[in-house]
Amino acid sequence: MLLELDGLAVRRIERQADGSRLARLETADDMARACPSCGVFATRVKVVVRT
């Protein structure tokens, strides 16, 4: 694991203008895309979280 963050996968890493790196992460568990009520899987991203 690159960042040792359980449940996350690195999608890509981008070099920024100042030389730093920006890691784009995604949930590694496919079940996270499923609606907890009906179980239907999402087909697109609905929220992007920045931390």
Protein backbone atom coordinates (compact mmCIF):
# COMPACT_ATOMS: atom_id res chain seq x y z
CA MET A 1 0.00 0.00 0.00
CA LEU A 2 1.47 3.30 -1.07
CA LEU A 3 -0.07 5.53 1.60
CA GLU A 4 -1.08 2.79 4.07
CA LEU A 5 -4.71 3.96 3.97
CA ASP A 6 -6.86 0.85 4.25
CA GLY A 7 -9.83 0.88 1.88
CA LEU A 8 -8.36 3.45 -0.54
CA ALA A 9 -6.55 2.97 -3.83
CA VAL A 10 -4.31 5.47 -5.61
CA ARG A 11 -5.95 6.46 -8.90
CA ARG A 12 -3.06 8.65 -10.08
CA ILE A 13 -0.36 10.99 -8.81
CA GLU A 14 0.15 14.38 -10.41
CA ARG A 15 3.20 16.66 -10.14
CA GLN A 16 2.15 20.20 -9.23
CA ALA A 17 3.75 23.44 -10.46
CA ASP A 18 5.52 23.92 -7.12
CA GLY A 19 7.10 20.44 -7.33
CA SER A 20 4.75 18.80 -4.83
CA ARG A 21 2.65 15.76 -5.68
CA LEU A 22 -1.13 15.46 -5.60
CA ALA A 23 -2.46 11.94 -5.02
CA ARG A 24 -5.90 11.19 -6.47
CA LEU A 25 -7.50 8.41 -4.42
CA GLU A 26 -10.64 6.33 -4.77
CA THR A 27 -12.51 3.86 -2.60
CA ALA A 28 -11.05 0.41 -3.14
CA ASP A 29 -14.26 -1.45 -2.18
CA ASP A 30 -16.70 -1.71 -5.11
CA MET A 31 -19.58 -2.16 -2.64
CA ALA A 32 -19.11 1.50 -1.62
CA ARG A 33 -20.81 2.42 -4.93
CA ALA A 34 -23.98 0.55 -3.97
CA CYS A 35 -26.99 2.33 -2.48
CA PRO A 36 -27.39 1.17 1.13
CA SER A 37 -31.19 1.08 0.74
CA CYS A 38 -31.75 -0.70 -2.58
CA GLY A 39 -28.29 -2.06 -3.51
CA VAL A 40 -28.23 -0.46 -6.99
CA PHE A 41 -24.71 0.49 -8.09
CA ALA A 42 -23.90 4.09 -9.04
CA THR A 43 -22.77 4.65 -12.62
CA ARG A 44 -21.08 8.03 -12.09
CA VAL A 45 -19.27 10.03 -9.41
CA LYS A 46 -21.68 12.20 -7.43
CA VAL A 47 -19.34 13.74 -4.85
CA VAL A 48 -15.66 14.61 -4.82
CA VAL A 49 -14.19 15.09 -1.34
CA ARG A 50 -11.13 17.27 -0.85
CA THR A 51 -9.09 17.06 2.32
